[in-house]
């Protein structure tokens, strides 16, 4: 099973439309549920990725699947002078994120808008010094096409940084992880978000998304070079990096 075949509502619509509806539905509860379900670890995962991106001193960053803007705001705070363009399918998520950007005092350097990495994203080819995706590539309707699109956005030598949830390989850790993701998380999601499918889709999509060397192979097939990955927290999260050839 590939991530393209895993959809939130399992109906006849395309994955993009279903993902957009799901995030519109859960937008009000999204931030709180993320903190609770990751046990607050998502903050540390983002900090590590921000440091990796910041080391390249990018002037323009495009944050794909920006959601409510947490990663975009973190990038702008940590990288002085950087301008961040955040793009997401969901109008509900962007509305909440725009309010957060305004409260952060970073509206002059962070701009959020609706868009689709595989369609109308309005990012000129070769205009970004870095492209980032935090917990979003498993929601792409066509992952390989998504990587090719992000490669085109980058200038030669520009960096891609992807944070994605992953299934631990350890036979000791995996049973506890499976119990938490397949039982606890869907129950929490149903209670708080009132969307019975959204947080069942989450573990299904994590299980289906390529990991480790398989993900790097997709990135290389799209044209990225110097690809690498770093596993975090016993393998429940992975950071992937790659670069557009110079």
C-alpha atoms as a PDB file:
ATOM      1  CA  UNK A   1       0.000   0.000   0.000  1.00  0.00           C
ATOM      2  CA  UNK A   2       1.394   3.406  -1.024  1.00  0.00           C
ATOM      3  CA  UNK A   3       0.562   6.730   0.692  1.00  0.00           C
ATOM      4  CA  UNK A   4      -1.264   7.865  -2.440  1.00  0.00           C
ATOM      5  CA  UNK A   5      -3.807   5.062  -1.879  1.00  0.00           C
ATOM      6  CA  UNK A   6      -4.481   6.047   1.750  1.00  0.00           C
ATOM      7  CA  UNK A   7      -7.221   8.687   1.919  1.00  0.00           C
ATOM      8  CA  UNK A   8      -9.019  10.272   4.872  1.00  0.00           C
ATOM      9  CA  UNK A   9     -12.609   9.429   3.906  1.00  0.00           C
ATOM     10  CA  UNK A  10     -12.197   6.504   1.485  1.00  0.00           C
ATOM     11  CA  UNK A  11     -14.680   7.908  -1.011  1.00  0.00           C
ATOM     12  CA  UNK A  12     -14.513   8.455  -4.759  1.00  0.00           C
ATOM     13  CA  UNK A  13     -12.929  11.915  -4.555  1.00  0.00           C
ATOM     14  CA  UNK A  14      -9.227  12.476  -5.161  1.00  0.00           C
ATOM     15  CA  UNK A  15      -6.840  12.503  -2.211  1.00  0.00           C
ATOM     16  CA  UNK A  16      -6.161  16.243  -2.459  1.00  0.00           C
ATOM     17  CA  UNK A  17      -9.839  17.125  -2.041  1.00  0.00           C
ATOM     18  CA  UNK A  18     -10.250  14.738   0.888  1.00  0.00           C
ATOM     19  CA  UNK A  19      -7.129  16.015   2.648  1.00  0.00           C
ATOM     20  CA  UNK A  20      -8.316  19.610   2.224  1.00  0.00           C
ATOM     21  CA  UNK A  21     -11.688  18.762   3.799  1.00  0.00           C
ATOM     22  CA  UNK A  22     -10.069  16.851   6.659  1.00  0.00           C
ATOM     23  CA  UNK A  23      -7.789  19.715   7.649  1.00  0.00           C
ATOM     24  CA  UNK A  24     -10.607  22.240   7.345  1.00  0.00           C
ATOM     25  CA  UNK A  25     -12.600  20.046   9.749  1.00  0.00           C
ATOM     26  CA  UNK A  26      -9.881  19.612  12.357  1.00  0.00           C
ATOM     27  CA  UNK A  27      -8.232  23.051  12.087  1.00  0.00           C
ATOM     28  CA  UNK A  28      -9.628  24.437  15.394  1.00  0.00           C
ATOM     29  CA  UNK A  29      -8.326  21.427  17.351  1.00  0.00           C
ATOM     30  CA  UNK A  30      -5.159  20.792  15.339  1.00  0.00           C
ATOM     31  CA  UNK A  31      -2.497  22.552  17.423  1.00  0.00           C
ATOM     32  CA  UNK A  32      -3.662  21.214  20.770  1.00  0.00           C
ATOM     33  CA  UNK A  33      -3.997  17.674  19.479  1.00  0.00           C
ATOM     34  CA  UNK A  34      -0.525  17.790  17.924  1.00  0.00           C
ATOM     35  CA  UNK A  35       1.030  18.785  21.238  1.00  0.00           C
ATOM     36  CA  UNK A  36      -0.871  16.123  23.136  1.00  0.00           C
ATOM     37  CA  UNK A  37      -0.363  13.277  20.699  1.00  0.00           C
ATOM     38  CA  UNK A  38       3.357  13.876  20.199  1.00  0.00           C
ATOM     39  CA  UNK A  39       3.787  14.338  23.980  1.00  0.00           C
ATOM     40  CA  UNK A  40       5.307  17.726  23.143  1.00  0.00           C
ATOM     41  CA  UNK A  41       8.157  16.147  21.177  1.00  0.00           C
ATOM     42  CA  UNK A  42       7.152  17.902  17.953  1.00  0.00           C
ATOM     43  CA  UNK A  43       8.769  21.082  19.322  1.00  0.00           C
ATOM     44  CA  UNK A  44      12.179  19.433  19.617  1.00  0.00           C
ATOM     45  CA  UNK A  45      11.842  17.786  16.208  1.00  0.00           C
ATOM     46  CA  UNK A  46      11.130  21.144  14.609  1.00  0.00           C
ATOM     47  CA  UNK A  47      14.032  22.792  16.442  1.00  0.00           C
ATOM     48  CA  UNK A  48      16.481  20.256  15.030  1.00  0.00           C
ATOM     49  CA  UNK A  49      15.163  20.778  11.510  1.00  0.00           C
ATOM     50  CA  UNK A  50      15.234  24.570  11.887  1.00  0.00           C
ATOM     51  CA  UNK A  51      18.905  24.370  12.897  1.00  0.00           C
ATOM     52  CA  UNK A  52      19.710  22.284   9.832  1.00  0.00           C
ATOM     53  CA  UNK A  53      17.951  24.729   7.507  1.00  0.00           C
ATOM     54  CA  UNK A  54      19.430  27.743   9.279  1.00  0.00           C
ATOM     55  CA  UNK A  55      22.954  26.447   8.708  1.00  0.00           C
ATOM     56  CA  UNK A  56      22.479  27.187   4.981  1.00  0.00           C
ATOM     57  CA  UNK A  57      21.538  30.847   5.699  1.00  0.00           C
ATOM     58  CA  UNK A  58      18.525  30.933   3.328  1.00  0.00           C
ATOM     59  CA  UNK A  59      17.007  34.279   2.349  1.00  0.00           C
ATOM     60  CA  UNK A  60      13.746  32.862   0.972  1.00  0.00           C
ATOM     61  CA  UNK A  61      12.116  29.723   2.370  1.00  0.00           C
ATOM     62  CA  UNK A  62       8.984  28.040   1.026  1.00  0.00           C
ATOM     63  CA  UNK A  63       7.181  25.948   3.658  1.00  0.00           C
ATOM     64  CA  UNK A  64       4.890  23.430   1.959  1.00  0.00           C
ATOM     65  CA  UNK A  65       1.911  21.997   3.897  1.00  0.00           C
ATOM     66  CA  UNK A  66       2.487  24.810   6.371  1.00  0.00           C
ATOM     67  CA  UNK A  67      -0.705  24.056   8.323  1.00  0.00           C
ATOM     68  CA  UNK A  68      -1.210  26.631  11.065  1.00  0.00           C
ATOM     69  CA  UNK A  69       2.255  28.066  10.456  1.00  0.00           C
ATOM     70  CA  UNK A  70       4.239  26.670  13.399  1.00  0.00           C
ATOM     71  CA  UNK A  71       7.261  25.675  11.322  1.00  0.00           C
ATOM     72  CA  UNK A  72       7.168  28.833   9.201  1.00  0.00           C
ATOM     73  CA  UNK A  73       7.157  30.993  12.333  1.00  0.00           C
ATOM     74  CA  UNK A  74       9.971  28.964  13.917  1.00  0.00           C
ATOM     75  CA  UNK A  75      12.094  29.347  10.780  1.00  0.00           C
ATOM     76  CA  UNK A  76      11.590  33.117  10.673  1.00  0.00           C
ATOM     77  CA  UNK A  77      12.415  33.499  14.363  1.00  0.00           C
ATOM     78  CA  UNK A  78      15.588  31.461  14.121  1.00  0.00           C
ATOM     79  CA  UNK A  79      16.946  32.794  10.815  1.00  0.00           C
ATOM     80  CA  UNK A  80      17.278  36.595  10.896  1.00  0.00           C
ATOM     81  CA  UNK A  81      16.327  38.255   7.642  1.00  0.00           C
ATOM     82  CA  UNK A  82      14.758  35.154   6.106  1.00  0.00           C
ATOM     83  CA  UNK A  83      11.401  35.551   4.391  1.00  0.00           C
ATOM     84  CA  UNK A  84       9.089  32.526   4.623  1.00  0.00           C
ATOM     85  CA  UNK A  85       6.218  31.729   2.277  1.00  0.00           C
ATOM     86  CA  UNK A  86       3.860  29.142   3.768  1.00  0.00           C
ATOM     87  CA  UNK A  87       1.490  27.215   1.488  1.00  0.00           C
ATOM     88  CA  UNK A  88      -1.324  24.860   2.496  1.00  0.00           C
ATOM     89  CA  UNK A  89      -4.400  23.293   0.899  1.00  0.00           C
ATOM     90  CA  UNK A  90      -6.706  24.166   3.794  1.00  0.00           C
ATOM     91  CA  UNK A  91      -8.268  27.598   4.134  1.00  0.00           C
ATOM     92  CA  UNK A  92      -9.162  26.742   7.734  1.00  0.00           C
ATOM     93  CA  UNK A  93      -5.557  26.029   8.652  1.00  0.00           C
ATOM     94  CA  UNK A  94      -4.288  29.132   6.849  1.00  0.00           C
ATOM     95  CA  UNK A  95      -6.847  31.331   8.659  1.00  0.00           C
ATOM     96  CA  UNK A  96      -5.593  30.143  12.054  1.00  0.00           C
ATOM     97  CA  UNK A  97      -1.981  30.402  10.939  1.00  0.00           C
ATOM     98  CA  UNK A  98      -2.416  33.960   9.675  1.00  0.00           C
ATOM     99  CA  UNK A  99      -3.693  35.005  13.104  1.00  0.00           C
ATOM    100  CA  UNK A 100      -0.683  33.332  14.733  1.00  0.00           C
ATOM    101  CA  UNK A 101       1.716  35.124  12.389  1.00  0.00           C
ATOM    102  CA  UNK A 102       0.121  38.472  13.223  1.00  0.00           C
ATOM    103  CA  UNK A 103       0.434  37.789  16.970  1.00  0.00           C
ATOM    104  CA  UNK A 104       4.062  36.766  16.525  1.00  0.00           C
ATOM    105  CA  UNK A 105       4.983  40.148  15.048  1.00  0.00           C
ATOM    106  CA  UNK A 106       6.467  38.459  11.973  1.00  0.00           C
ATOM    107  CA  UNK A 107       3.891  39.471   9.363  1.00  0.00           C
ATOM    108  CA  UNK A 108       6.577  41.409   7.484  1.00  0.00           C
ATOM    109  CA  UNK A 109       8.625  38.223   6.973  1.00  0.00           C
ATOM    110  CA  UNK A 110       6.060  35.380   7.001  1.00  0.00           C
ATOM    111  CA  UNK A 111       3.247  35.152   4.488  1.00  0.00           C
ATOM    112  CA  UNK A 112       0.749  32.278   4.420  1.00  0.00           C
ATOM    113  CA  UNK A 113      -1.605  31.429   1.582  1.00  0.00           C
ATOM    114  CA  UNK A 114      -3.637  28.567   0.182  1.00  0.00           C
ATOM    115  CA  UNK A 115      -2.034  26.589  -2.591  1.00  0.00           C
ATOM    116  CA  UNK A 116      -1.122  23.133  -3.824  1.00  0.00           C
ATOM    117  CA  UNK A 117       2.420  21.876  -4.284  1.00  0.00           C
ATOM    118  CA  UNK A 118       1.129  19.797  -7.193  1.00  0.00           C
ATOM    119  CA  UNK A 119      -0.929  22.577  -8.736  1.00  0.00           C
ATOM    120  CA  UNK A 120      -1.353  26.323  -8.214  1.00  0.00           C
ATOM    121  CA  UNK A 121       1.400  27.180  -5.724  1.00  0.00           C
ATOM    122  CA  UNK A 122       2.546  30.455  -7.345  1.00  0.00           C
ATOM    123  CA  UNK A 123       6.196  29.864  -6.468  1.00  0.00           C
ATOM    124  CA  UNK A 124       8.522  30.788  -9.324  1.00  0.00           C
ATOM    125  CA  UNK A 125      10.998  28.154 -10.450  1.00  0.00           C
ATOM    126  CA  UNK A 126      14.418  28.643  -8.886  1.00  0.00           C
ATOM    127  CA  UNK A 127      13.207  31.296  -6.424  1.00  0.00           C
ATOM    128  CA  UNK A 128      13.667  29.505  -3.077  1.00  0.00           C
ATOM    129  CA  UNK A 129      16.875  28.989  -1.139  1.00  0.00           C
ATOM    130  CA  UNK A 130      15.185  26.291   0.937  1.00  0.00           C
ATOM    131  CA  UNK A 131      11.950  24.307   0.778  1.00  0.00           C
ATOM    132  CA  UNK A 132      10.584  22.667   3.916  1.00  0.00           C
ATOM    133  CA  UNK A 133       7.746  20.244   4.693  1.00  0.00           C
ATOM    134  CA  UNK A 134       6.840  19.380   8.282  1.00  0.00           C
ATOM    135  CA  UNK A 135       4.646  16.293   8.647  1.00  0.00           C
ATOM    136  CA  UNK A 136       3.032  16.763   5.250  1.00  0.00           C
ATOM    137  CA  UNK A 137       4.543  14.640   2.478  1.00  0.00           C
ATOM    138  CA  UNK A 138       2.416  11.615   3.386  1.00  0.00           C
ATOM    139  CA  UNK A 139      -0.623  13.747   2.462  1.00  0.00           C
ATOM    140  CA  UNK A 140       0.593  14.394  -1.099  1.00  0.00           C
ATOM    141  CA  UNK A 141      -1.641  12.917  -3.771  1.00  0.00           C
ATOM    142  CA  UNK A 142       1.475  12.024  -5.808  1.00  0.00           C
ATOM    143  CA  UNK A 143       4.634  11.958  -3.715  1.00  0.00           C
ATOM    144  CA  UNK A 144       7.105  11.615  -6.601  1.00  0.00           C
ATOM    145  CA  UNK A 145       5.507  14.560  -8.406  1.00  0.00           C
ATOM    146  CA  UNK A 146       5.629  16.546  -5.171  1.00  0.00           C
ATOM    147  CA  UNK A 147       9.377  16.076  -4.928  1.00  0.00           C
ATOM    148  CA  UNK A 148       9.850  17.138  -8.547  1.00  0.00           C
ATOM    149  CA  UNK A 149       7.741  20.237  -7.936  1.00  0.00           C
ATOM    150  CA  UNK A 150       9.767  21.183  -4.857  1.00  0.00           C
ATOM    151  CA  UNK A 151      13.037  20.636  -6.743  1.00  0.00           C
ATOM    152  CA  UNK A 152      11.853  23.115  -9.375  1.00  0.00           C
ATOM    153  CA  UNK A 153      11.145  25.739  -6.706  1.00  0.00           C
ATOM    154  CA  UNK A 154      14.739  25.636  -5.463  1.00  0.00           C
ATOM    155  CA  UNK A 155      17.653  27.602  -6.815  1.00  0.00           C
ATOM    156  CA  UNK A 156      20.719  25.527  -7.772  1.00  0.00           C
ATOM    157  CA  UNK A 157      22.311  24.395  -4.522  1.00  0.00           C
ATOM    158  CA  UNK A 158      19.119  25.033  -2.543  1.00  0.00           C
ATOM    159  CA  UNK A 159      18.089  22.706   0.291  1.00  0.00           C
ATOM    160  CA  UNK A 160      15.018  20.551   0.858  1.00  0.00           C
ATOM    161  CA  UNK A 161      14.221  19.602   4.465  1.00  0.00           C
ATOM    162  CA  UNK A 162      11.376  17.173   5.206  1.00  0.00           C
ATOM    163  CA  UNK A 163      10.228  16.164   8.691  1.00  0.00           C
ATOM    164  CA  UNK A 164       7.969  13.130   8.680  1.00  0.00           C
ATOM    165  CA  UNK A 165       6.588  10.659  11.158  1.00  0.00           C
ATOM    166  CA  UNK A 166       7.859   7.115  10.708  1.00  0.00           C
ATOM    167  CA  UNK A 167       7.324   3.629  12.071  1.00  0.00           C
ATOM    168  CA  UNK A 168      10.034   2.481  14.525  1.00  0.00           C
ATOM    169  CA  UNK A 169      11.990  -0.568  13.400  1.00  0.00           C
ATOM    170  CA  UNK A 170      12.821  -1.844  16.874  1.00  0.00           C
ATOM    171  CA  UNK A 171      10.799  -4.985  17.762  1.00  0.00           C
ATOM    172  CA  UNK A 172      10.778  -3.739  21.361  1.00  0.00           C
ATOM    173  CA  UNK A 173       9.441  -0.253  20.588  1.00  0.00           C
ATOM    174  CA  UNK A 174       7.040  -1.124  17.754  1.00  0.00           C
ATOM    175  CA  UNK A 175       4.278  -2.865  19.795  1.00  0.00           C
ATOM    176  CA  UNK A 176       3.949   0.146  22.119  1.00  0.00           C
ATOM    177  CA  UNK A 177       4.056   2.511  19.159  1.00  0.00           C
ATOM    178  CA  UNK A 178       1.340   0.533  17.348  1.00  0.00           C
ATOM    179  CA  UNK A 179      -0.905   0.555  20.413  1.00  0.00           C
ATOM    180  CA  UNK A 180      -0.485   4.303  20.829  1.00  0.00           C
ATOM    181  CA  UNK A 181      -0.999   5.248  17.162  1.00  0.00           C
ATOM    182  CA  UNK A 182      -3.759   2.764  16.318  1.00  0.00           C
ATOM    183  CA  UNK A 183      -5.815   2.942  19.513  1.00  0.00           C
ATOM    184  CA  UNK A 184      -4.976   5.972  21.665  1.00  0.00           C
ATOM    185  CA  UNK A 185      -4.531   8.598  18.938  1.00  0.00           C
ATOM    186  CA  UNK A 186      -7.756   7.781  17.025  1.00  0.00           C
ATOM    187  CA  UNK A 187      -9.711   7.824  20.295  1.00  0.00           C
ATOM    188  CA  UNK A 188      -8.280  11.218  21.273  1.00  0.00           C
ATOM    189  CA  UNK A 189      -8.914  12.581  17.798  1.00  0.00           C
ATOM    190  CA  UNK A 190     -12.548  11.488  17.737  1.00  0.00           C
ATOM    191  CA  UNK A 191     -13.256  13.061  21.116  1.00  0.00           C
ATOM    192  CA  UNK A 192     -11.540  16.393  20.491  1.00  0.00           C
ATOM    193  CA  UNK A 193     -11.860  17.002  16.749  1.00  0.00           C
ATOM    194  CA  UNK A 194     -15.250  15.303  16.156  1.00  0.00           C
ATOM    195  CA  UNK A 195     -13.889  13.917  12.870  1.00  0.00           C
ATOM    196  CA  UNK A 196     -14.105  10.139  13.153  1.00  0.00           C
ATOM    197  CA  UNK A 197     -11.745   9.464  10.243  1.00  0.00           C
ATOM    198  CA  UNK A 198      -9.027  12.124  10.531  1.00  0.00           C
ATOM    199  CA  UNK A 199      -7.024  10.510  13.307  1.00  0.00           C
ATOM    200  CA  UNK A 200      -7.542   7.002  11.984  1.00  0.00           C
ATOM    201  CA  UNK A 201      -6.073   8.213   8.692  1.00  0.00           C
ATOM    202  CA  UNK A 202      -2.994   9.470  10.561  1.00  0.00           C
ATOM    203  CA  UNK A 203      -1.531   6.070  11.587  1.00  0.00           C
ATOM    204  CA  UNK A 204      -2.607   4.550   8.270  1.00  0.00           C
ATOM    205  CA  UNK A 205      -0.718   7.213   6.327  1.00  0.00           C
ATOM    206  CA  UNK A 206       2.361   6.925   8.562  1.00  0.00           C
ATOM    207  CA  UNK A 207       2.470   3.164   8.016  1.00  0.00           C
ATOM    208  CA  UNK A 208       2.268   3.615   4.235  1.00  0.00           C
ATOM    209  CA  UNK A 209       4.771   6.439   3.690  1.00  0.00           C
ATOM    210  CA  UNK A 210       8.258   5.406   2.503  1.00  0.00           C
ATOM    211  CA  UNK A 211      10.963   5.651   5.154  1.00  0.00           C
ATOM    212  CA  UNK A 212      14.741   5.722   5.357  1.00  0.00           C
ATOM    213  CA  UNK A 213      16.534   4.670   2.176  1.00  0.00           C
ATOM    214  CA  UNK A 214      13.224   4.202   0.345  1.00  0.00           C
ATOM    215  CA  UNK A 215      12.380   7.871   0.879  1.00  0.00           C
ATOM    216  CA  UNK A 216      15.862   8.929  -0.191  1.00  0.00           C
ATOM    217  CA  UNK A 217      15.474   6.901  -3.386  1.00  0.00           C
ATOM    218  CA  UNK A 218      12.321   8.874  -4.237  1.00  0.00           C
ATOM    219  CA  UNK A 219      14.172  12.125  -3.617  1.00  0.00           C
ATOM    220  CA  UNK A 220      17.095  11.074  -5.805  1.00  0.00           C
ATOM    221  CA  UNK A 221      14.744   9.934  -8.573  1.00  0.00           C
ATOM    222  CA  UNK A 222      13.233  13.453  -8.517  1.00  0.00           C
ATOM    223  CA  UNK A 223      16.715  14.936  -9.016  1.00  0.00           C
ATOM    224  CA  UNK A 224      17.959  15.701  -5.497  1.00  0.00           C
ATOM    225  CA  UNK A 225      21.596  15.062  -4.594  1.00  0.00           C
ATOM    226  CA  UNK A 226      23.487  14.649  -1.318  1.00  0.00           C
ATOM    227  CA  UNK A 227      20.407  13.108   0.274  1.00  0.00           C
ATOM    228  CA  UNK A 228      20.498  11.988   3.901  1.00  0.00           C
ATOM    229  CA  UNK A 229      18.197  11.167   6.794  1.00  0.00           C
ATOM    230  CA  UNK A 230      18.339  11.393  10.573  1.00  0.00           C
ATOM    231  CA  UNK A 231      16.057   9.382  12.825  1.00  0.00           C
ATOM    232  CA  UNK A 232      14.751  10.913  16.061  1.00  0.00           C
ATOM    233  CA  UNK A 233      13.082   9.574  19.236  1.00  0.00           C
ATOM    234  CA  UNK A 234      13.591   5.857  18.647  1.00  0.00           C
ATOM    235  CA  UNK A 235      12.607   6.208  15.004  1.00  0.00           C
ATOM    236  CA  UNK A 236       9.144   7.746  15.386  1.00  0.00           C
ATOM    237  CA  UNK A 237      10.261  10.825  13.444  1.00  0.00           C
ATOM    238  CA  UNK A 238      12.760  11.235  10.596  1.00  0.00           C
ATOM    239  CA  UNK A 239      14.341  14.324   9.039  1.00  0.00           C
ATOM    240  CA  UNK A 240      15.265  14.007   5.354  1.00  0.00           C
ATOM    241  CA  UNK A 241      17.498  16.450   3.484  1.00  0.00           C
ATOM    242  CA  UNK A 242      18.569  16.881  -0.100  1.00  0.00           C
ATOM    243  CA  UNK A 243      19.841  19.560  -2.459  1.00  0.00           C
ATOM    244  CA  UNK A 244      19.183  20.764  -5.979  1.00  0.00           C
ATOM    245  CA  UNK A 245      22.290  20.167  -8.098  1.00  0.00           C
ATOM    246  CA  UNK A 246      24.405  23.256  -8.761  1.00  0.00           C
END
